[in-house]
Structure formats: structure tokens, C-alpha cells
Amino acid sequence: MGSLSIPLVVVMVAVLIATVTDVRSFKIHNLLTIPLLISGLVYHGITGGVDGLIHSVIGALFGFCILFMLFLMGGMGAGDVKLMAGVGAWLGMPGAFLLLLAASLATGVYSLVVIVLNGRFRQTWVNLQIIFHRAAAISRHLVADDRVEEVAQSSDRRSRLIPFGAMMAIGLLALLALVQFRNPVVAGGVPDTTQLAPSTVGEP
């Protein structure tokens, strides 16, 4: 099959919408993330039966749990967590893992550029130390005071926050480019992207 699968198309549209709101206001709204999550579960439950639903749930839990840890440490917004859960529901765990990895690499590059341009090496090191201590104290229910939502209201937010929705969009485009590079173009000039997101996560 040489066309984009339905789950991949849905995720592409979702992350592009998230990019717009995240870059503009550092917010990813529930109006996008909640329907994305529910529709992913429903779609795979219908097309893949019980197995499809299970794979979708596992993908959603994977996406949620990974970013929820960062949310507890104050390094990730709630909208980012819910968006990743919705993406996991549509792509399943393998696809969500690949997208998260690509988005993380994009985030790292973006962070280095921001640090260099703003000369924030010392503050970045201090922030990393704070995150480490918060991670060690999660078991004691430590809650971060400077949540992403609060920092988003500050005047220097663009040098302190990373629009993760945009990083996911970059990561997804990078993955699609990689798939196109590694796979021959099929008839009609469309690369085979089904390896990234099969039409049904429950399929073997």
C-alpha cells in the first residue's frame, strides 16, 4: 500500500494544529487532545477489534506516562502530555516511541540554539540541577512551583519554553522523510509509509 494510513494522517493534522497554538501561546487545548485520544481508541477498537483496542490503549498509556514524569517535574505542560497520549492512541506504542524519539532530538537541537543565542548557559545548568532534585523527590510528592503554564505568562517565555507541539511536527516530518529515503517510491510517486503507522495497530 503506497498511501498515508489514516492514523498517520490524523496525527499529522493534530500535531500541525498543536504547532499553531503552541507556538502562538504555548498552549495545546483539550478541544484537540481529548477528541484525539478518544477517537484513536474508538477507531482501533472498530477496525482492529479487541487486539486493536489493546494496542491503542498501550500506546496511549506509553505516551501519557513518559511525559507525565516530566510534567511532575515542572518541565512539561499538561497539553503536551495529553497530546502525546492521543498520538499514542492512534499510532500505538512503536509509532509513538519513534515520534517521541524524533521530537526529543528536535527539542535538543532547538534547546542548544536557544541557549547559544540567549547566553543562558549558567541558568540552564541551574535548571538541570533543579530538575534532578525534583526527580529525586517525586516519591515525596514534591510539586513544582514554576509550572510551564506559569512560565508561559512571563515576558521572556520564548527563551525559556520549548513548543513541544512544534517539535513533534518536526519529528514527524523527519520520520516521513526518513521513510521516503529508505523505501523506494511506489507507483504514483507516493512513498510507502505504512511501516511508520499501519492502518490498524492491531494488525500483525
N, C-alpha and C. Protein backbone atom coordinates (compact mmCIF):
# COMPACT_ATOMS: atom_id res chain seq x y z
N MET A 1 0.86 -1.20 0.00
CA MET A 1 0.00 0.00 0.00
C MET A 1 0.88 1.23 0.00
N GLY A 2 0.67 2.15 -0.92
CA GLY A 2 1.58 3.26 -1.07
C GLY A 2 1.01 4.59 -0.66
N SER A 3 0.07 4.64 0.21
CA SER A 3 -0.50 5.90 0.64
C SER A 3 -0.38 6.03 2.15
N LEU A 4 -0.57 7.26 2.63
CA LEU A 4 -0.52 7.50 4.06
C LEU A 4 -1.70 6.81 4.72
N SER A 5 -1.44 6.15 5.85
CA SER A 5 -2.52 5.49 6.58
C SER A 5 -3.37 6.51 7.30
N ILE A 6 -4.59 6.12 7.63
CA ILE A 6 -5.50 7.03 8.32
C ILE A 6 -4.91 7.51 9.65
N PRO A 7 -4.36 6.62 10.50
CA PRO A 7 -3.77 7.10 11.76
C PRO A 7 -2.69 8.14 11.54
N LEU A 8 -1.85 7.94 10.53
CA LEU A 8 -0.77 8.89 10.29
C LEU A 8 -1.30 10.24 9.82
N VAL A 9 -2.32 10.22 8.98
CA VAL A 9 -2.93 11.47 8.52
C VAL A 9 -3.55 12.22 9.69
N VAL A 10 -4.26 11.50 10.56
CA VAL A 10 -4.88 12.13 11.73
C VAL A 10 -3.83 12.76 12.63
N VAL A 11 -2.76 12.03 12.87
CA VAL A 11 -1.69 12.55 13.74
C VAL A 11 -1.02 13.77 13.10
N MET A 12 -0.81 13.73 11.80
CA MET A 12 -0.22 14.87 11.11
C MET A 12 -1.06 16.12 11.28
N VAL A 13 -2.35 15.98 11.07
CA VAL A 13 -3.25 17.13 11.22
C VAL A 13 -3.24 17.64 12.66
N ALA A 14 -3.28 16.70 13.61
CA ALA A 14 -3.32 17.08 15.03
C ALA A 14 -2.06 17.83 15.45
N VAL A 15 -0.90 17.33 15.07
CA VAL A 15 0.33 17.99 15.51
C VAL A 15 0.53 19.33 14.81
N LEU A 16 0.01 19.47 13.59
CA LEU A 16 0.10 20.75 12.92
C LEU A 16 -0.79 21.79 13.61
N ILE A 17 -1.99 21.37 14.02
CA ILE A 17 -2.86 22.28 14.77
C ILE A 17 -2.21 22.64 16.10
N ALA A 18 -1.64 21.62 16.77
CA ALA A 18 -0.96 21.86 18.04
C ALA A 18 0.22 22.82 17.87
N THR A 19 0.90 22.71 16.75
CA THR A 19 2.04 23.60 16.48
C THR A 19 1.60 25.05 16.45
N VAL A 20 0.48 25.31 15.80
CA VAL A 20 -0.02 26.69 15.67
C VAL A 20 -0.31 27.28 17.05
N THR A 21 -1.06 26.56 17.87
CA THR A 21 -1.43 27.10 19.19
C THR A 21 -0.24 27.11 20.14
N ASP A 22 0.64 26.12 20.01
CA ASP A 22 1.79 26.05 20.92
C ASP A 22 2.79 27.16 20.65
N VAL A 23 3.06 27.42 19.38
CA VAL A 23 3.99 28.50 19.03
C VAL A 23 3.39 29.86 19.38
N ARG A 24 2.08 29.99 19.17
CA ARG A 24 1.44 31.28 19.39
C ARG A 24 1.27 31.60 20.87
N SER A 25 0.84 30.61 21.66
CA SER A 25 0.52 30.90 23.06
C SER A 25 1.05 29.88 24.05
N PHE A 26 1.86 28.92 23.57
CA PHE A 26 2.38 27.85 24.42
C PHE A 26 1.26 27.09 25.11
N LYS A 27 0.19 26.84 24.36
CA LYS A 27 -0.94 26.07 24.87
C LYS A 27 -1.38 25.05 23.83
N ILE A 28 -1.72 23.85 24.30
CA ILE A 28 -2.34 22.84 23.46
C ILE A 28 -3.67 22.49 24.12
N HIS A 29 -4.75 22.80 23.47
CA HIS A 29 -6.06 22.80 24.11
C HIS A 29 -6.70 21.41 24.19
N ASN A 30 -7.52 21.25 25.22
CA ASN A 30 -8.27 19.99 25.40
C ASN A 30 -9.20 19.72 24.23
N LEU A 31 -9.64 20.78 23.55
CA LEU A 31 -10.53 20.63 22.40
C LEU A 31 -9.87 19.82 21.30
N LEU A 32 -8.54 19.81 21.30
CA LEU A 32 -7.79 19.00 20.34
C LEU A 32 -7.40 17.65 20.92
N THR A 33 -6.84 17.66 22.12
CA THR A 33 -6.21 16.44 22.66
C THR A 33 -7.20 15.37 23.10
N ILE A 34 -8.29 15.77 23.74
CA ILE A 34 -9.26 14.79 24.25
C ILE A 34 -9.96 14.05 23.10
N PRO A 35 -10.50 14.78 22.09
CA PRO A 35 -11.08 14.06 20.95
C PRO A 35 -10.06 13.20 20.22
N LEU A 36 -8.80 13.66 20.16
CA LEU A 36 -7.76 12.86 19.51
C LEU A 36 -7.57 11.53 20.23
N LEU A 37 -7.52 11.57 21.54
CA LEU A 37 -7.35 10.36 22.33
C LEU A 37 -8.53 9.41 22.17
N ILE A 38 -9.73 9.93 22.35
CA ILE A 38 -10.93 9.09 22.30
C ILE A 38 -11.13 8.51 20.89
N SER A 39 -10.94 9.33 19.88
CA SER A 39 -11.16 8.85 18.50
C SER A 39 -10.14 7.78 18.13
N GLY A 40 -8.92 7.89 18.65
CA GLY A 40 -7.92 6.87 18.38
C GLY A 40 -8.31 5.53 18.96
N LEU A 41 -8.80 5.55 20.19
CA LEU A 41 -9.24 4.32 20.84
C LEU A 41 -10.43 3.71 20.09
N VAL A 42 -11.39 4.56 19.73
CA VAL A 42 -12.58 4.09 19.03
C VAL A 42 -12.22 3.52 17.65
N TYR A 43 -11.38 4.24 16.93
CA TYR A 43 -11.01 3.80 15.58
C TYR A 43 -10.37 2.41 15.59
N HIS A 44 -9.40 2.23 16.48
CA HIS A 44 -8.71 0.95 16.50
C HIS A 44 -9.55 -0.15 17.14
N GLY A 45 -10.48 0.25 18.01
CA GLY A 45 -11.41 -0.74 18.55
C GLY A 45 -12.33 -1.27 17.47
N ILE A 46 -12.73 -0.38 16.54
CA ILE A 46 -13.63 -0.79 15.46
C ILE A 46 -12.88 -1.57 14.38
N THR A 47 -11.73 -1.05 13.97
CA THR A 47 -11.01 -1.66 12.85
C THR A 47 -10.16 -2.87 13.26
N GLY A 48 -9.72 -2.91 14.51
CA GLY A 48 -8.84 -3.99 14.95
C GLY A 48 -9.43 -4.88 16.01
N GLY A 49 -10.65 -4.61 16.42
CA GLY A 49 -11.27 -5.43 17.45
C GLY A 49 -10.58 -5.26 18.79
N VAL A 50 -10.64 -6.29 19.61
CA VAL A 50 -10.06 -6.23 20.95
C VAL A 50 -8.55 -6.02 20.88
N ASP A 51 -7.88 -6.73 19.97
CA ASP A 51 -6.43 -6.58 19.84
C ASP A 51 -6.05 -5.15 19.45
N GLY A 52 -6.80 -4.58 18.52
CA GLY A 52 -6.54 -3.21 18.11
C GLY A 52 -6.73 -2.24 19.25
N LEU A 53 -7.79 -2.44 20.02
CA LEU A 53 -8.05 -1.56 21.16
C LEU A 53 -6.96 -1.67 22.21
N ILE A 54 -6.50 -2.89 22.46
CA ILE A 54 -5.44 -3.10 23.45
C ILE A 54 -4.16 -2.39 23.03
N HIS A 55 -3.79 -2.54 21.76
CA HIS A 55 -2.59 -1.87 21.27
C HIS A 55 -2.73 -0.35 21.34
N SER A 56 -3.93 0.13 21.08
CA SER A 56 -4.18 1.57 21.15
C SER A 56 -4.07 2.08 22.59
N VAL A 57 -4.63 1.32 23.52
CA VAL A 57 -4.55 1.70 24.93
C VAL A 57 -3.11 1.70 25.41
N ILE A 58 -2.35 0.68 25.01
CA ILE A 58 -0.94 0.61 25.40
C ILE A 58 -0.18 1.81 24.85
N GLY A 59 -0.45 2.17 23.61
CA GLY A 59 0.20 3.33 23.02
C GLY A 59 -0.14 4.61 23.75
N ALA A 60 -1.42 4.76 24.11
CA ALA A 60 -1.85 5.96 24.84
C ALA A 60 -1.20 6.02 26.22
N LEU A 61 -1.15 4.90 26.91
CA LEU A 61 -0.53 4.86 28.24
C LEU A 61 0.96 5.15 28.15
N PHE A 62 1.60 4.63 27.12
CA PHE A 62 3.03 4.89 26.93
C PHE A 62 3.28 6.38 26.75
N GLY A 63 2.53 7.00 25.82
CA GLY A 63 2.71 8.42 25.57
C GLY A 63 2.42 9.26 26.78
N PHE A 64 1.38 8.89 27.52
CA PHE A 64 0.99 9.66 28.71
C PHE A 64 2.04 9.53 29.82
N CYS A 65 2.44 8.31 30.12
CA CYS A 65 3.33 8.07 31.28
C CYS A 65 4.70 8.68 31.09
N ILE A 66 5.25 8.58 29.87
CA ILE A 66 6.58 9.12 29.61
C ILE A 66 6.62 10.63 29.88
N LEU A 67 5.67 11.37 29.35
CA LEU A 67 5.68 12.82 29.51
C LEU A 67 5.11 13.25 30.85
N PHE A 68 4.31 12.41 31.49
CA PHE A 68 3.75 12.77 32.78
C PHE A 68 4.85 12.92 33.83
N MET A 69 5.91 12.13 33.70
CA MET A 69 7.02 12.27 34.62
C MET A 69 7.65 13.66 34.50
N LEU A 70 7.80 14.14 33.27
CA LEU A 70 8.34 15.48 33.07
C LEU A 70 7.38 16.55 33.56
N PHE A 71 6.09 16.27 33.41
CA PHE A 71 5.08 17.22 33.91
C PHE A 71 5.18 17.36 35.42
N LEU A 72 5.39 16.26 36.12
CA LEU A 72 5.52 16.30 37.58
C LEU A 72 6.73 17.13 38.01
N MET A 73 7.75 17.14 37.17
CA MET A 73 8.96 17.90 37.50
C MET A 73 8.88 19.35 37.03
N GLY A 74 7.75 19.73 36.45
CA GLY A 74 7.58 21.11 36.01
C GLY A 74 8.21 21.41 34.67
N GLY A 75 8.61 20.37 33.93
CA GLY A 75 9.29 20.59 32.67
C GLY A 75 8.44 20.35 31.44
N MET A 76 7.16 20.12 31.63
CA MET A 76 6.28 19.80 30.50
C MET A 76 4.88 20.27 30.83
N GLY A 77 4.19 20.81 29.84
CA GLY A 77 2.83 21.26 30.06
C GLY A 77 1.83 20.11 29.98
N ALA A 78 0.69 20.30 30.60
CA ALA A 78 -0.33 19.26 30.60
C ALA A 78 -0.84 18.97 29.19
N GLY A 79 -0.90 20.01 28.36
CA GLY A 79 -1.35 19.81 26.98
C GLY A 79 -0.41 18.92 26.20
N ASP A 80 0.90 19.05 26.46
CA ASP A 80 1.87 18.18 25.79
C ASP A 80 1.65 16.72 26.16
N VAL A 81 1.37 16.49 27.44
CA VAL A 81 1.15 15.12 27.92
C VAL A 81 -0.07 14.51 27.25
N LYS A 82 -1.15 15.26 27.20
CA LYS A 82 -2.38 14.75 26.61
C LYS A 82 -2.25 14.57 25.09
N LEU A 83 -1.49 15.45 24.46
CA LEU A 83 -1.27 15.31 23.02
C LEU A 83 -0.50 14.02 22.73
N MET A 84 0.52 13.73 23.53
CA MET A 84 1.30 12.52 23.32
C MET A 84 0.46 11.28 23.58
N ALA A 85 -0.45 11.35 24.55
CA ALA A 85 -1.35 10.23 24.81
C ALA A 85 -2.26 10.00 23.60
N GLY A 86 -2.77 11.08 23.01
CA GLY A 86 -3.61 10.96 21.84
C GLY A 86 -2.86 10.39 20.65
N VAL A 87 -1.62 10.84 20.48
CA VAL A 87 -0.78 10.31 19.40
C VAL A 87 -0.53 8.82 19.61
N GLY A 88 -0.27 8.44 20.86
CA GLY A 88 -0.06 7.02 21.16
C GLY A 88 -1.28 6.18 20.87
N ALA A 89 -2.47 6.74 21.12
CA ALA A 89 -3.71 6.01 20.85
C ALA A 89 -3.87 5.74 19.36
N TRP A 90 -3.39 6.65 18.53
CA TRP A 90 -3.53 6.48 17.08
C TRP A 90 -2.39 5.65 16.48
N LEU A 91 -1.16 5.85 16.96
CA LEU A 91 -0.02 5.18 16.34
C LEU A 91 0.40 3.90 17.03
N GLY A 92 -0.11 3.66 18.25
CA GLY A 92 0.37 2.52 19.01
C GLY A 92 1.73 2.82 19.61
N MET A 93 2.24 1.92 20.43
CA MET A 93 3.50 2.20 21.13
C MET A 93 4.70 2.31 20.20
N PRO A 94 4.88 1.43 19.20
CA PRO A 94 6.06 1.57 18.33
C PRO A 94 6.10 2.91 17.62
N GLY A 95 4.98 3.30 17.02
CA GLY A 95 4.93 4.58 16.31
C GLY A 95 5.10 5.75 17.25
N ALA A 96 4.47 5.68 18.44
CA ALA A 96 4.60 6.76 19.41
C ALA A 96 6.03 6.88 19.91
N PHE A 97 6.69 5.74 20.09
CA PHE A 97 8.08 5.76 20.54
C PHE A 97 8.98 6.43 19.52
N LEU A 98 8.80 6.08 18.24
CA LEU A 98 9.61 6.68 17.19
C LEU A 98 9.38 8.18 17.10
N LEU A 99 8.12 8.59 17.20
CA LEU A 99 7.81 10.01 17.12
C LEU A 99 8.37 10.75 18.33
N LEU A 100 8.26 10.15 19.51
CA LEU A 100 8.79 10.78 20.72
C LEU A 100 10.31 10.92 20.63
N LEU A 101 10.96 9.91 20.10
CA LEU A 101 12.41 9.96 19.94
C LEU A 101 12.82 11.07 18.98
N ALA A 102 12.12 11.15 17.84
CA ALA A 102 12.43 12.19 16.86
C ALA A 102 12.15 13.59 17.43
N ALA A 103 11.03 13.72 18.15
CA ALA A 103 10.68 15.01 18.74
C ALA A 103 11.69 15.41 19.82
N SER A 104 12.19 14.43 20.56
CA SER A 104 13.19 14.70 21.61
C SER A 104 14.49 15.20 21.00
N LEU A 105 14.89 14.59 19.88
CA LEU A 105 16.10 15.04 19.19
C LEU A 105 15.92 16.47 18.68
N ALA A 106 14.75 16.76 18.12
CA ALA A 106 14.47 18.12 17.66
C ALA A 106 14.47 19.10 18.82
N THR A 107 13.95 18.67 19.95
CA THR A 107 13.93 19.52 21.15
C THR A 107 15.35 19.82 21.61
N GLY A 108 16.21 18.80 21.58
CA GLY A 108 17.60 19.01 21.99
C GLY A 108 18.31 20.03 21.12
N VAL A 109 18.12 19.93 19.81
CA VAL A 109 18.75 20.88 18.89
C VAL A 109 18.20 22.28 19.12
N TYR A 110 16.88 22.37 19.25
CA TYR A 110 16.24 23.67 19.49
C TYR A 110 16.75 24.29 20.79
N SER A 111 16.88 23.48 21.83
CA SER A 111 17.35 23.97 23.12
C SER A 111 18.76 24.54 23.02
N LEU A 112 19.63 23.83 22.32
CA LEU A 112 21.01 24.30 22.16
C LEU A 112 21.05 25.64 21.43
N VAL A 113 20.23 25.78 20.41
CA VAL A 113 20.18 27.03 19.65
C VAL A 113 19.72 28.17 20.54
N VAL A 114 18.66 27.93 21.33
CA VAL A 114 18.15 28.97 22.22
C VAL A 114 19.18 29.35 23.27
N ILE A 115 19.86 28.35 23.83
CA ILE A 115 20.88 28.60 24.85
C ILE A 115 22.00 29.46 24.29
N VAL A 116 22.48 29.10 23.09
CA VAL A 116 23.58 29.84 22.48
C VAL A 116 23.16 31.27 22.14
N LEU A 117 21.97 31.42 21.56
CA LEU A 117 21.52 32.74 21.15
C LEU A 117 21.25 33.66 22.34
N ASN A 118 20.85 33.10 23.47
CA ASN A 118 20.49 33.92 24.62
C ASN A 118 21.56 33.91 25.72
N GLY A 119 22.63 33.14 25.51
CA GLY A 119 23.69 33.11 26.51
C GLY A 119 23.22 32.67 27.88
N ARG A 120 22.40 31.62 27.93
CA ARG A 120 21.80 31.18 29.20
C ARG A 120 22.45 29.89 29.71
N PHE A 121 23.75 29.74 29.51
CA PHE A 121 24.42 28.51 29.92
C PHE A 121 24.30 28.28 31.43
N ARG A 122 24.59 29.33 32.21
CA ARG A 122 24.56 29.18 33.67
C ARG A 122 23.17 28.85 34.17
N GLN A 123 22.16 29.58 33.67
CA GLN A 123 20.78 29.34 34.12
C GLN A 123 20.32 27.95 33.71
N THR A 124 20.74 27.50 32.52
CA THR A 124 20.36 26.16 32.06
C THR A 124 20.93 25.09 32.98
N TRP A 125 22.17 25.26 33.41
CA TRP A 125 22.79 24.29 34.32
C TRP A 125 22.05 24.26 35.65
N VAL A 126 21.68 25.44 36.14
CA VAL A 126 20.92 25.51 37.39
C VAL A 126 19.58 24.82 37.24
N ASN A 127 18.91 25.05 36.10
CA ASN A 127 17.61 24.41 35.86
C ASN A 127 17.73 22.89 35.81
N LEU A 128 18.80 22.39 35.21
CA LEU A 128 19.02 20.95 35.15
C LEU A 128 19.22 20.37 36.55
N GLN A 129 19.92 21.10 37.40
CA GLN A 129 20.12 20.65 38.78
C GLN A 129 18.79 20.61 39.53
N ILE A 130 17.95 21.62 39.29
CA ILE A 130 16.64 21.67 39.94
C ILE A 130 15.79 20.48 39.51
N ILE A 131 15.80 20.19 38.19
CA ILE A 131 15.03 19.06 37.68
C ILE A 131 15.50 17.76 38.30
N PHE A 132 16.82 17.61 38.46
CA PHE A 132 17.36 16.40 39.07
C PHE A 132 16.85 16.23 40.50
N HIS A 133 16.86 17.31 41.27
CA HIS A 133 16.40 17.22 42.65
C HIS A 133 14.90 16.96 42.73
N ARG A 134 14.16 17.51 41.77
CA ARG A 134 12.72 17.25 41.74
C ARG A 134 12.45 15.80 41.42
N ALA A 135 13.22 15.26 40.49
CA ALA A 135 13.04 13.85 40.13
C ALA A 135 13.30 12.96 41.34
N ALA A 136 14.31 13.31 42.13
CA ALA A 136 14.63 12.52 43.31
C ALA A 136 13.56 12.64 44.39
N ALA A 137 12.78 13.73 44.32
CA ALA A 137 11.80 13.98 45.37
C ALA A 137 10.37 13.66 44.97
N ILE A 138 10.18 13.11 43.76
CA ILE A 138 8.81 12.79 43.31
C ILE A 138 8.12 11.85 44.29
N SER A 139 8.88 10.91 44.81
CA SER A 139 8.29 9.96 45.75
C SER A 139 7.78 10.63 47.00
N ARG A 140 8.24 11.85 47.26
CA ARG A 140 7.77 12.61 48.43
C ARG A 140 6.71 13.62 48.02
N HIS A 141 6.18 13.44 46.79
CA HIS A 141 5.07 14.28 46.29
C HIS A 141 5.46 15.75 46.19
N LEU A 142 6.69 16.01 45.77
CA LEU A 142 7.10 17.38 45.54
C LEU A 142 6.44 17.90 44.28
N VAL A 143 5.85 19.07 44.33
CA VAL A 143 5.19 19.68 43.17
C VAL A 143 5.95 20.93 42.78
N ALA A 144 6.23 21.06 41.49
CA ALA A 144 6.99 22.21 41.03
C ALA A 144 6.18 23.49 41.14
N ASP A 145 6.84 24.57 41.57
CA ASP A 145 6.16 25.85 41.70
C ASP A 145 6.08 26.58 40.37
N ASP A 146 7.15 26.48 39.58
CA ASP A 146 7.16 27.21 38.31
C ASP A 146 6.73 26.30 37.17
N ARG A 147 5.46 25.96 37.15
CA ARG A 147 4.90 25.13 36.10
C ARG A 147 5.03 25.83 34.76
N VAL A 148 5.00 25.02 33.69
CA VAL A 148 5.09 25.57 32.35
C VAL A 148 3.99 26.60 32.11
N GLU A 149 2.79 26.32 32.63
CA GLU A 149 1.68 27.24 32.44
C GLU A 149 1.96 28.61 33.04
N GLU A 150 2.71 28.64 34.14
CA GLU A 150 3.04 29.91 34.77
C GLU A 150 4.14 30.63 34.02
N VAL A 151 5.16 29.89 33.59
CA VAL A 151 6.25 30.49 32.84
C VAL A 151 5.74 31.06 31.51
N ALA A 152 4.70 30.43 30.95
CA ALA A 152 4.16 30.88 29.67
C ALA A 152 3.60 32.30 29.74
N GLN A 153 3.35 32.79 30.95
CA GLN A 153 2.82 34.13 31.12
C GLN A 153 3.93 35.18 31.27
N SER A 154 5.17 34.74 31.40
CA SER A 154 6.28 35.67 31.62
C SER A 154 6.72 36.32 30.31
N SER A 155 7.41 37.44 30.41
CA SER A 155 7.82 38.19 29.23
C SER A 155 8.94 37.50 28.45
N ASP A 156 9.73 36.68 29.14
CA ASP A 156 10.84 36.01 28.48
C ASP A 156 10.53 34.54 28.17
N ARG A 157 9.25 34.23 28.00
CA ARG A 157 8.84 32.84 27.83
C ARG A 157 9.44 32.19 26.59
N ARG A 158 9.70 32.97 25.54
CA ARG A 158 10.20 32.36 24.31
C ARG A 158 11.65 31.90 24.44
N SER A 159 12.35 32.41 25.44
CA SER A 159 13.71 31.93 25.67
C SER A 159 13.77 30.89 26.79
N ARG A 160 12.60 30.59 27.39
CA ARG A 160 12.58 29.63 28.50
C ARG A 160 11.75 28.39 28.21
N LEU A 161 10.84 28.49 27.24
CA LEU A 161 9.96 27.37 26.95
C LEU A 161 10.20 26.83 25.54
N ILE A 162 9.91 25.56 25.38
CA ILE A 162 10.03 24.91 24.08
C ILE A 162 8.65 24.47 23.63
N PRO A 163 8.18 24.92 22.46
CA PRO A 163 6.87 24.49 21.96
C PRO A 163 6.94 23.03 21.50
N PHE A 164 6.63 22.11 22.41
CA PHE A 164 6.82 20.69 22.11
C PHE A 164 5.92 20.21 20.99
N GLY A 165 4.77 20.86 20.84
CA GLY A 165 3.90 20.51 19.72
C GLY A 165 4.62 20.72 18.39
N ALA A 166 5.36 21.82 18.30
CA ALA A 166 6.13 22.10 17.09
C ALA A 166 7.26 21.09 16.91
N MET A 167 7.87 20.68 18.04
CA MET A 167 8.94 19.68 17.96
C MET A 167 8.40 18.33 17.47
N MET A 168 7.17 18.01 17.85
CA MET A 168 6.54 16.78 17.37
C MET A 168 6.29 16.86 15.87
N ALA A 169 5.87 18.03 15.41
CA ALA A 169 5.64 18.20 13.97
C ALA A 169 6.95 18.03 13.20
N ILE A 170 8.02 18.62 13.72
CA ILE A 170 9.33 18.48 13.06
C ILE A 170 9.77 17.02 13.08
N GLY A 171 9.57 16.37 14.23
CA GLY A 171 9.94 14.96 14.34
C GLY A 171 9.17 14.08 13.37
N LEU A 172 7.88 14.36 13.21
CA LEU A 172 7.05 13.57 12.30
C LEU A 172 7.49 13.76 10.86
N LEU A 173 7.78 15.01 10.49
CA LEU A 173 8.25 15.28 9.13
C LEU A 173 9.59 14.60 8.89
N ALA A 174 10.45 14.59 9.91
CA ALA A 174 11.75 13.93 9.77
C ALA A 174 11.57 12.42 9.57
N LEU A 175 10.64 11.83 10.31
CA LEU A 175 10.39 10.39 10.17
C LEU A 175 9.84 10.07 8.78
N LEU A 176 8.93 10.90 8.30
CA LEU A 176 8.38 10.68 6.96
C LEU A 176 9.48 10.80 5.90
N ALA A 177 10.37 11.78 6.08
CA ALA A 177 11.48 11.94 5.14
C ALA A 177 12.40 10.72 5.19
N LEU A 178 12.62 10.19 6.40
CA LEU A 178 13.47 9.02 6.54
C LEU A 178 12.84 7.81 5.87
N VAL A 179 11.53 7.64 6.05
CA VAL A 179 10.83 6.53 5.41
C VAL A 179 10.92 6.64 3.89
N GLN A 180 10.75 7.85 3.39
CA GLN A 180 10.82 8.06 1.94
C GLN A 180 12.23 7.77 1.43
N PHE A 181 13.24 8.11 2.22
CA PHE A 181 14.63 7.90 1.81
C PHE A 181 14.99 6.42 1.80
N ARG A 182 14.48 5.69 2.79
CA ARG A 182 14.85 4.28 2.94
C ARG A 182 14.03 3.35 2.07
N ASN A 183 12.84 3.80 1.64
CA ASN A 183 11.97 2.94 0.85
C ASN A 183 11.83 3.50 -0.56
N PRO A 184 11.81 2.65 -1.56
CA PRO A 184 11.62 3.13 -2.92
C PRO A 184 10.23 3.72 -3.10
N VAL A 185 10.13 4.71 -3.94
CA VAL A 185 8.84 5.34 -4.22
C VAL A 185 8.01 4.40 -5.08
N VAL A 186 6.80 4.14 -4.61
CA VAL A 186 5.94 3.21 -5.33
C VAL A 186 5.24 3.93 -6.48
N ALA A 187 4.46 3.16 -7.21
CA ALA A 187 3.75 3.73 -8.36
C ALA A 187 2.89 4.90 -7.91
N GLY A 188 2.92 5.97 -8.68
CA GLY A 188 2.13 7.15 -8.36
C GLY A 188 2.96 8.19 -7.63
N GLY A 189 4.24 7.87 -7.32
CA GLY A 189 5.12 8.86 -6.69
C GLY A 189 4.89 9.03 -5.22
N VAL A 190 4.24 8.07 -4.55
CA VAL A 190 3.95 8.18 -3.12
C VAL A 190 4.77 7.16 -2.36
N PRO A 191 5.58 7.59 -1.36
CA PRO A 191 6.39 6.63 -0.62
C PRO A 191 5.53 5.76 0.29
N ASP A 192 5.99 4.55 0.56
CA ASP A 192 5.27 3.63 1.43
C ASP A 192 5.55 3.98 2.89
N THR A 193 4.56 4.55 3.57
CA THR A 193 4.74 4.99 4.96
C THR A 193 4.01 4.09 5.95
N THR A 194 3.52 2.97 5.50
CA THR A 194 2.73 2.12 6.39
C THR A 194 3.57 1.50 7.49
N GLN A 195 4.90 1.47 7.32
CA GLN A 195 5.74 0.93 8.37
C GLN A 195 5.72 1.83 9.59
N LEU A 196 5.54 3.13 9.37
CA LEU A 196 5.51 4.07 10.49
C LEU A 196 4.20 4.00 11.24
N ALA A 197 3.10 3.89 10.53
CA ALA A 197 1.79 3.84 11.16
C ALA A 197 0.87 2.95 10.35
N PRO A 198 0.74 1.68 10.68
CA PRO A 198 -0.16 0.80 9.94
C PRO A 198 -1.60 1.27 10.06
N SER A 199 -2.41 0.90 9.12
CA SER A 199 -3.80 1.36 9.14
C SER A 199 -4.55 0.88 10.35
N THR A 200 -4.07 -0.21 10.95
CA THR A 200 -4.68 -0.74 12.19
C THR A 200 -3.58 -1.22 13.08
N VAL A 201 -3.48 -0.68 14.30
CA VAL A 201 -2.39 -1.05 15.19
C VAL A 201 -2.47 -2.49 15.60
N GLY A 202 -3.62 -3.07 15.52
CA GLY A 202 -3.75 -4.46 15.93
C GLY A 202 -3.30 -5.45 14.88
N GLU A 203 -2.98 -4.97 13.69
CA GLU A 203 -2.55 -5.87 12.63
C GLU A 203 -1.20 -6.46 12.96
N PRO A 204 -0.91 -7.72 12.62
CA PRO A 204 0.39 -8.33 12.89
C PRO A 204 1.47 -7.73 12.00
